Amino acid sequence: MRMINTLIIHCADTYARMDIGVPEIDQWHRARGWNGCGYHFVIRRSGQIEKGRPVATAGAHAKNHNAESIGICMVGGKGDDNRPADNFMPEQWTALKALVLEMHEEYPIESIIGHRDVEPSKTCPNFDVAGWLHLYLPGLGHP
């Protein structure tokens, strides 16, 4: 098993009206020449958590950080004006909290961050992960 110490939160950069999941993201990533869905988990608009790439396999979601991380993607993140938007559903927040707690319990997680924290040119996941952790999971914050 690979050493996992980081959770990296992403958004799909999709409109609120788009309820996509692993099959669509898998197709998009294969079209880019990748070996399938680069995320380990995708949280649909309904809050349903779908498994993407096996956790035992390095992801393809954050350059230079895939070997030691788990990638979690929230569907949404793009406003109707095509700008970054924090437009996630309450069910997604509930699912994210549960998944982060589960991963933190199962793996020696040292850091929970947003994609933009390792790739400053990105806005993904289009919300402040450290602020969310501080409010909803204060014991897990590792900014």
N, C-alpha and C. Protein backbone atom coordinates (compact mmCIF):
# COMPACT_ATOMS: atom_id res chain seq x y z
N MET A 1 0.85 -1.20 0.00
CA MET A 1 0.00 0.00 0.00
C MET A 1 0.88 1.24 0.00
N ARG A 2 0.48 2.24 -0.73
CA ARG A 2 1.24 3.49 -0.78
C ARG A 2 1.01 4.30 0.49
N MET A 3 1.93 5.19 0.80
CA MET A 3 1.82 6.05 1.98
C MET A 3 0.92 7.24 1.63
N ILE A 4 -0.18 7.36 2.33
CA ILE A 4 -1.15 8.44 2.09
C ILE A 4 -1.16 9.35 3.31
N ASN A 5 -0.90 10.65 3.07
CA ASN A 5 -0.89 11.60 4.20
C ASN A 5 -1.64 12.90 3.91
N THR A 6 -2.26 13.00 2.73
CA THR A 6 -2.91 14.25 2.34
C THR A 6 -4.24 13.97 1.65
N LEU A 7 -5.23 14.79 1.97
CA LEU A 7 -6.48 14.81 1.23
C LEU A 7 -6.49 16.10 0.43
N ILE A 8 -6.74 16.00 -0.87
CA ILE A 8 -6.81 17.18 -1.72
C ILE A 8 -8.23 17.27 -2.27
N ILE A 9 -8.89 18.38 -1.95
CA ILE A 9 -10.28 18.60 -2.36
C ILE A 9 -10.28 19.39 -3.67
N HIS A 10 -11.12 18.94 -4.59
CA HIS A 10 -11.26 19.54 -5.91
C HIS A 10 -12.72 19.86 -6.18
N CYS A 11 -12.95 20.58 -7.28
CA CYS A 11 -14.30 20.71 -7.82
C CYS A 11 -14.23 20.28 -9.28
N ALA A 12 -15.38 19.88 -9.82
CA ALA A 12 -15.42 19.42 -11.20
C ALA A 12 -15.46 20.57 -12.20
N ASP A 13 -15.61 21.80 -11.70
CA ASP A 13 -15.73 22.98 -12.56
C ASP A 13 -16.91 22.81 -13.52
N THR A 14 -18.04 22.39 -12.93
CA THR A 14 -19.27 22.20 -13.69
C THR A 14 -20.35 23.12 -13.14
N TYR A 15 -21.34 23.40 -13.98
CA TYR A 15 -22.47 24.23 -13.58
C TYR A 15 -23.33 23.48 -12.57
N ALA A 16 -24.06 24.23 -11.76
CA ALA A 16 -24.94 23.63 -10.74
C ALA A 16 -25.97 22.71 -11.36
N ARG A 17 -26.38 22.97 -12.58
CA ARG A 17 -27.40 22.15 -13.23
C ARG A 17 -26.86 20.82 -13.76
N MET A 18 -25.55 20.65 -13.73
CA MET A 18 -24.94 19.42 -14.25
C MET A 18 -24.72 18.42 -13.11
N ASP A 19 -25.45 17.33 -13.16
CA ASP A 19 -25.27 16.28 -12.16
C ASP A 19 -24.49 15.14 -12.80
N ILE A 20 -23.19 15.28 -12.78
CA ILE A 20 -22.32 14.27 -13.38
C ILE A 20 -21.66 13.47 -12.26
N GLY A 21 -20.97 12.41 -12.65
CA GLY A 21 -20.29 11.58 -11.67
C GLY A 21 -19.05 10.93 -12.26
N VAL A 22 -18.65 9.84 -11.68
CA VAL A 22 -17.43 9.15 -12.11
C VAL A 22 -17.45 8.78 -13.60
N PRO A 23 -18.56 8.24 -14.14
CA PRO A 23 -18.52 7.86 -15.57
C PRO A 23 -18.15 9.02 -16.50
N GLU A 24 -18.73 10.19 -16.24
CA GLU A 24 -18.45 11.35 -17.10
C GLU A 24 -17.01 11.84 -16.90
N ILE A 25 -16.58 11.93 -15.65
CA ILE A 25 -15.21 12.38 -15.38
C ILE A 25 -14.20 11.38 -15.93
N ASP A 26 -14.49 10.11 -15.82
CA ASP A 26 -13.63 9.07 -16.40
C ASP A 26 -13.48 9.30 -17.91
N GLN A 27 -14.58 9.58 -18.56
CA GLN A 27 -14.55 9.82 -20.02
C GLN A 27 -13.72 11.06 -20.34
N TRP A 28 -13.92 12.16 -19.56
CA TRP A 28 -13.15 13.39 -19.79
C TRP A 28 -11.66 13.14 -19.61
N HIS A 29 -11.30 12.42 -18.56
CA HIS A 29 -9.89 12.20 -18.27
C HIS A 29 -9.25 11.27 -19.29
N ARG A 30 -9.99 10.26 -19.75
CA ARG A 30 -9.46 9.38 -20.80
C ARG A 30 -9.23 10.16 -22.09
N ALA A 31 -10.11 11.12 -22.37
CA ALA A 31 -9.96 11.96 -23.57
C ALA A 31 -8.68 12.80 -23.49
N ARG A 32 -8.19 13.06 -22.26
CA ARG A 32 -6.94 13.80 -22.07
C ARG A 32 -5.73 12.88 -22.11
N GLY A 33 -5.99 11.58 -22.30
CA GLY A 33 -4.90 10.62 -22.36
C GLY A 33 -4.54 10.00 -21.02
N TRP A 34 -5.36 10.25 -20.00
CA TRP A 34 -5.09 9.70 -18.68
C TRP A 34 -5.65 8.29 -18.59
N ASN A 35 -5.26 7.59 -17.55
CA ASN A 35 -5.69 6.22 -17.33
C ASN A 35 -6.98 6.21 -16.50
N GLY A 36 -8.02 6.86 -16.99
CA GLY A 36 -9.31 6.90 -16.31
C GLY A 36 -9.44 8.05 -15.33
N CYS A 37 -10.50 8.02 -14.54
CA CYS A 37 -10.80 9.06 -13.57
C CYS A 37 -9.61 9.28 -12.65
N GLY A 38 -9.15 10.50 -12.55
CA GLY A 38 -7.99 10.81 -11.73
C GLY A 38 -8.28 10.97 -10.25
N TYR A 39 -9.57 11.10 -9.90
CA TYR A 39 -9.97 11.27 -8.50
C TYR A 39 -10.28 9.92 -7.87
N HIS A 40 -10.11 9.84 -6.58
CA HIS A 40 -10.45 8.62 -5.86
C HIS A 40 -11.94 8.59 -5.49
N PHE A 41 -12.49 9.78 -5.26
CA PHE A 41 -13.91 9.90 -4.90
C PHE A 41 -14.51 11.11 -5.60
N VAL A 42 -15.77 10.97 -6.00
CA VAL A 42 -16.53 12.07 -6.58
C VAL A 42 -17.82 12.19 -5.78
N ILE A 43 -18.14 13.43 -5.37
CA ILE A 43 -19.37 13.67 -4.62
C ILE A 43 -20.35 14.37 -5.55
N ARG A 44 -21.39 13.62 -5.92
CA ARG A 44 -22.42 14.13 -6.83
C ARG A 44 -23.25 15.22 -6.15
N ARG A 45 -24.06 15.92 -6.93
CA ARG A 45 -24.91 17.00 -6.41
C ARG A 45 -25.86 16.48 -5.33
N SER A 46 -26.28 15.23 -5.43
CA SER A 46 -27.19 14.62 -4.45
C SER A 46 -26.50 14.28 -3.14
N GLY A 47 -25.17 14.35 -3.13
CA GLY A 47 -24.40 13.94 -1.96
C GLY A 47 -23.92 12.50 -2.05
N GLN A 48 -24.32 11.80 -3.10
CA GLN A 48 -23.86 10.42 -3.29
C GLN A 48 -22.36 10.42 -3.55
N ILE A 49 -21.64 9.57 -2.84
CA ILE A 49 -20.20 9.44 -3.01
C ILE A 49 -19.94 8.28 -3.95
N GLU A 50 -19.24 8.56 -5.04
CA GLU A 50 -18.88 7.52 -6.00
C GLU A 50 -17.39 7.27 -5.92
N LYS A 51 -17.01 6.01 -6.04
CA LYS A 51 -15.60 5.65 -6.05
C LYS A 51 -15.05 5.76 -7.46
N GLY A 52 -13.93 6.45 -7.58
CA GLY A 52 -13.25 6.58 -8.85
C GLY A 52 -12.07 5.62 -8.87
N ARG A 53 -10.89 6.18 -8.95
CA ARG A 53 -9.66 5.38 -8.94
C ARG A 53 -9.50 4.70 -7.58
N PRO A 54 -9.03 3.46 -7.55
CA PRO A 54 -8.83 2.79 -6.26
C PRO A 54 -7.84 3.58 -5.39
N VAL A 55 -8.11 3.68 -4.10
CA VAL A 55 -7.25 4.43 -3.18
C VAL A 55 -5.83 3.85 -3.17
N ALA A 56 -5.69 2.58 -3.40
CA ALA A 56 -4.36 1.95 -3.42
C ALA A 56 -3.52 2.40 -4.61
N THR A 57 -4.16 3.04 -5.58
CA THR A 57 -3.48 3.53 -6.79
C THR A 57 -3.34 5.05 -6.71
N ALA A 58 -2.17 5.55 -7.04
CA ALA A 58 -1.96 7.00 -7.07
C ALA A 58 -2.96 7.65 -8.03
N GLY A 59 -3.45 8.80 -7.65
CA GLY A 59 -4.40 9.52 -8.48
C GLY A 59 -3.72 10.30 -9.59
N ALA A 60 -4.54 11.04 -10.32
CA ALA A 60 -4.07 11.96 -11.36
C ALA A 60 -4.90 13.23 -11.19
N HIS A 61 -4.62 13.95 -10.10
CA HIS A 61 -5.46 15.10 -9.76
C HIS A 61 -4.67 16.31 -9.29
N ALA A 62 -3.43 16.13 -8.87
CA ALA A 62 -2.63 17.26 -8.38
C ALA A 62 -1.16 16.98 -8.67
N LYS A 63 -0.66 17.61 -9.70
CA LYS A 63 0.72 17.39 -10.15
C LYS A 63 1.71 17.47 -9.00
N ASN A 64 2.59 16.49 -8.94
CA ASN A 64 3.64 16.36 -7.93
C ASN A 64 3.13 16.02 -6.53
N HIS A 65 1.83 15.72 -6.41
CA HIS A 65 1.26 15.39 -5.10
C HIS A 65 0.38 14.14 -5.15
N ASN A 66 0.36 13.47 -6.27
CA ASN A 66 -0.53 12.32 -6.42
C ASN A 66 -0.07 11.09 -5.63
N ALA A 67 1.22 10.91 -5.48
CA ALA A 67 1.74 9.70 -4.84
C ALA A 67 1.27 9.55 -3.40
N GLU A 68 1.15 10.67 -2.67
CA GLU A 68 0.84 10.60 -1.24
C GLU A 68 -0.56 11.11 -0.89
N SER A 69 -1.40 11.33 -1.89
CA SER A 69 -2.70 11.95 -1.60
C SER A 69 -3.88 11.15 -2.11
N ILE A 70 -5.03 11.52 -1.57
CA ILE A 70 -6.33 11.04 -2.03
C ILE A 70 -7.05 12.25 -2.62
N GLY A 71 -7.57 12.11 -3.82
CA GLY A 71 -8.29 13.19 -4.48
C GLY A 71 -9.79 13.03 -4.33
N ILE A 72 -10.43 14.08 -3.82
CA ILE A 72 -11.89 14.10 -3.65
C ILE A 72 -12.43 15.25 -4.49
N CYS A 73 -13.38 14.95 -5.36
CA CYS A 73 -13.94 15.96 -6.26
C CYS A 73 -15.40 16.22 -5.96
N MET A 74 -15.72 17.48 -5.73
CA MET A 74 -17.12 17.92 -5.54
C MET A 74 -17.65 18.37 -6.90
N VAL A 75 -18.79 17.83 -7.31
CA VAL A 75 -19.39 18.23 -8.58
C VAL A 75 -19.99 19.62 -8.41
N GLY A 76 -19.68 20.49 -9.34
CA GLY A 76 -20.11 21.89 -9.30
C GLY A 76 -18.88 22.78 -9.35
N GLY A 77 -19.04 24.01 -8.89
CA GLY A 77 -17.91 24.92 -8.81
C GLY A 77 -17.85 25.98 -9.90
N LYS A 78 -18.80 25.95 -10.86
CA LYS A 78 -18.81 26.96 -11.92
C LYS A 78 -20.17 27.65 -11.94
N GLY A 79 -20.14 28.97 -11.93
CA GLY A 79 -21.37 29.74 -12.00
C GLY A 79 -21.87 29.86 -13.42
N ASP A 80 -23.12 30.31 -13.57
CA ASP A 80 -23.69 30.50 -14.91
C ASP A 80 -22.93 31.54 -15.71
N ASP A 81 -22.16 32.38 -15.02
CA ASP A 81 -21.35 33.40 -15.69
C ASP A 81 -19.96 32.85 -16.05
N ASN A 82 -19.78 31.53 -15.88
CA ASN A 82 -18.51 30.83 -16.18
C ASN A 82 -17.38 31.19 -15.23
N ARG A 83 -17.71 31.83 -14.14
CA ARG A 83 -16.70 32.16 -13.12
C ARG A 83 -16.74 31.12 -12.01
N PRO A 84 -15.65 30.99 -11.25
CA PRO A 84 -15.65 30.07 -10.11
C PRO A 84 -16.79 30.40 -9.15
N ALA A 85 -17.45 29.35 -8.64
CA ALA A 85 -18.59 29.56 -7.74
C ALA A 85 -18.62 28.47 -6.68
N ASP A 86 -18.93 28.89 -5.47
CA ASP A 86 -19.16 27.96 -4.37
C ASP A 86 -20.66 27.64 -4.40
N ASN A 87 -21.05 26.74 -5.30
CA ASN A 87 -22.46 26.44 -5.52
C ASN A 87 -22.81 25.00 -5.14
N PHE A 88 -22.16 24.50 -4.14
CA PHE A 88 -22.35 23.11 -3.74
C PHE A 88 -23.61 22.96 -2.89
N MET A 89 -24.20 21.79 -2.96
CA MET A 89 -25.46 21.48 -2.27
C MET A 89 -25.20 21.08 -0.82
N PRO A 90 -26.17 21.32 0.07
CA PRO A 90 -26.01 20.89 1.47
C PRO A 90 -25.66 19.41 1.59
N GLU A 91 -26.25 18.59 0.72
CA GLU A 91 -25.97 17.15 0.75
C GLU A 91 -24.50 16.85 0.43
N GLN A 92 -23.92 17.67 -0.42
CA GLN A 92 -22.50 17.48 -0.75
C GLN A 92 -21.61 17.82 0.44
N TRP A 93 -21.96 18.88 1.16
CA TRP A 93 -21.18 19.26 2.34
C TRP A 93 -21.24 18.16 3.39
N THR A 94 -22.43 17.59 3.58
CA THR A 94 -22.59 16.50 4.54
C THR A 94 -21.75 15.30 4.13
N ALA A 95 -21.78 14.97 2.84
CA ALA A 95 -21.00 13.84 2.33
C ALA A 95 -19.50 14.11 2.45
N LEU A 96 -19.09 15.34 2.14
CA LEU A 96 -17.66 15.68 2.24
C LEU A 96 -17.19 15.52 3.67
N LYS A 97 -17.95 16.02 4.61
CA LYS A 97 -17.58 15.91 6.02
C LYS A 97 -17.42 14.44 6.42
N ALA A 98 -18.39 13.61 6.06
CA ALA A 98 -18.33 12.18 6.40
C ALA A 98 -17.14 11.50 5.74
N LEU A 99 -16.87 11.83 4.48
CA LEU A 99 -15.75 11.20 3.77
C LEU A 99 -14.41 11.63 4.35
N VAL A 100 -14.27 12.91 4.67
CA VAL A 100 -13.03 13.40 5.27
C VAL A 100 -12.79 12.71 6.62
N LEU A 101 -13.84 12.59 7.42
CA LEU A 101 -13.69 11.90 8.71
C LEU A 101 -13.30 10.44 8.52
N GLU A 102 -13.92 9.77 7.56
CA GLU A 102 -13.59 8.37 7.28
C GLU A 102 -12.14 8.21 6.83
N MET A 103 -11.71 9.07 5.92
CA MET A 103 -10.33 8.97 5.41
C MET A 103 -9.32 9.31 6.52
N HIS A 104 -9.67 10.29 7.36
CA HIS A 104 -8.79 10.68 8.45
C HIS A 104 -8.63 9.56 9.46
N GLU A 105 -9.69 8.79 9.64
CA GLU A 105 -9.65 7.65 10.56
C GLU A 105 -8.86 6.48 9.98
N GLU A 106 -8.98 6.31 8.67
CA GLU A 106 -8.37 5.14 8.01
C GLU A 106 -6.90 5.32 7.64
N TYR A 107 -6.47 6.55 7.39
CA TYR A 107 -5.11 6.83 6.94
C TYR A 107 -4.45 7.89 7.83
N PRO A 108 -3.12 7.91 7.87
CA PRO A 108 -2.42 8.91 8.70
C PRO A 108 -2.39 10.28 8.01
N ILE A 109 -3.55 10.90 7.91
CA ILE A 109 -3.69 12.18 7.20
C ILE A 109 -3.05 13.30 8.02
N GLU A 110 -2.13 14.00 7.40
CA GLU A 110 -1.45 15.13 8.02
C GLU A 110 -1.96 16.47 7.50
N SER A 111 -2.56 16.44 6.29
CA SER A 111 -2.94 17.69 5.64
C SER A 111 -4.22 17.49 4.84
N ILE A 112 -5.15 18.44 4.97
CA ILE A 112 -6.39 18.47 4.20
C ILE A 112 -6.42 19.83 3.53
N ILE A 113 -6.32 19.83 2.21
CA ILE A 113 -6.13 21.08 1.48
C ILE A 113 -6.98 21.11 0.21
N GLY A 114 -7.05 22.28 -0.39
CA GLY A 114 -7.68 22.43 -1.69
C GLY A 114 -6.64 22.32 -2.79
N HIS A 115 -7.09 22.00 -3.99
CA HIS A 115 -6.19 21.90 -5.14
C HIS A 115 -5.38 23.18 -5.32
N ARG A 116 -6.04 24.32 -5.10
CA ARG A 116 -5.36 25.61 -5.27
C ARG A 116 -4.19 25.79 -4.31
N ASP A 117 -4.18 25.02 -3.21
CA ASP A 117 -3.09 25.13 -2.25
C ASP A 117 -1.80 24.49 -2.75
N VAL A 118 -1.90 23.63 -3.75
CA VAL A 118 -0.69 23.03 -4.34
C VAL A 118 -0.46 23.49 -5.77
N GLU A 119 -1.47 24.15 -6.36
CA GLU A 119 -1.34 24.74 -7.69
C GLU A 119 -1.96 26.13 -7.64
N PRO A 120 -1.18 27.13 -7.22
CA PRO A 120 -1.71 28.49 -6.99
C PRO A 120 -2.37 29.14 -8.21
N SER A 121 -2.11 28.64 -9.42
CA SER A 121 -2.76 29.21 -10.60
C SER A 121 -4.22 28.76 -10.71
N LYS A 122 -4.62 27.81 -9.86
CA LYS A 122 -5.99 27.28 -9.87
C LYS A 122 -6.85 27.95 -8.80
N THR A 123 -8.16 27.94 -9.00
CA THR A 123 -9.10 28.41 -7.97
C THR A 123 -9.79 27.21 -7.30
N CYS A 124 -9.65 26.06 -7.88
CA CYS A 124 -10.26 24.81 -7.42
C CYS A 124 -9.85 24.51 -5.97
N PRO A 125 -10.78 24.21 -5.13
CA PRO A 125 -12.16 23.75 -5.34
C PRO A 125 -13.20 24.87 -5.29
N ASN A 126 -12.76 26.09 -5.38
CA ASN A 126 -13.65 27.26 -5.40
C ASN A 126 -14.34 27.51 -4.07
N PHE A 127 -13.72 27.04 -2.99
CA PHE A 127 -14.09 27.42 -1.64
C PHE A 127 -12.84 27.29 -0.78
N ASP A 128 -12.87 27.90 0.37
CA ASP A 128 -11.72 27.91 1.28
C ASP A 128 -11.74 26.66 2.15
N VAL A 129 -10.91 25.68 1.81
CA VAL A 129 -10.88 24.41 2.54
C VAL A 129 -10.48 24.64 3.99
N ALA A 130 -9.48 25.45 4.24
CA ALA A 130 -9.03 25.71 5.61
C ALA A 130 -10.15 26.34 6.43
N GLY A 131 -10.88 27.27 5.85
CA GLY A 131 -12.00 27.91 6.54
C GLY A 131 -13.12 26.92 6.82
N TRP A 132 -13.42 26.05 5.85
CA TRP A 132 -14.44 25.02 6.04
C TRP A 132 -14.04 24.07 7.16
N LEU A 133 -12.78 23.64 7.16
CA LEU A 133 -12.29 22.76 8.22
C LEU A 133 -12.42 23.43 9.59
N HIS A 134 -12.03 24.68 9.64
CA HIS A 134 -12.08 25.43 10.91
C HIS A 134 -13.51 25.47 11.47
N LEU A 135 -14.48 25.65 10.59
CA LEU A 135 -15.88 25.73 11.02
C LEU A 135 -16.51 24.38 11.33
N TYR A 136 -16.25 23.38 10.49
CA TYR A 136 -17.00 22.13 10.57
C TYR A 136 -16.22 20.93 11.10
N LEU A 137 -14.91 20.98 11.02
CA LEU A 137 -14.06 19.89 11.54
C LEU A 137 -12.83 20.49 12.19
N PRO A 138 -13.02 21.32 13.23
CA PRO A 138 -11.89 22.08 13.79
C PRO A 138 -10.74 21.22 14.29
N GLY A 139 -10.97 20.03 14.73
CA GLY A 139 -9.88 19.18 15.20
C GLY A 139 -9.02 18.61 14.10
N LEU A 140 -9.48 18.73 12.85
CA LEU A 140 -8.74 18.14 11.74
C LEU A 140 -7.98 19.15 10.92
N GLY A 141 -8.14 20.42 11.18
CA GLY A 141 -7.51 21.44 10.36
C GLY A 141 -6.00 21.38 10.41
N HIS A 142 -5.38 21.34 9.26
CA HIS A 142 -3.93 21.32 9.14
C HIS A 142 -3.50 22.33 8.08
N PRO A 143 -3.82 23.60 8.27
CA PRO A 143 -3.50 24.57 7.21
C PRO A 143 -2.00 24.79 7.06
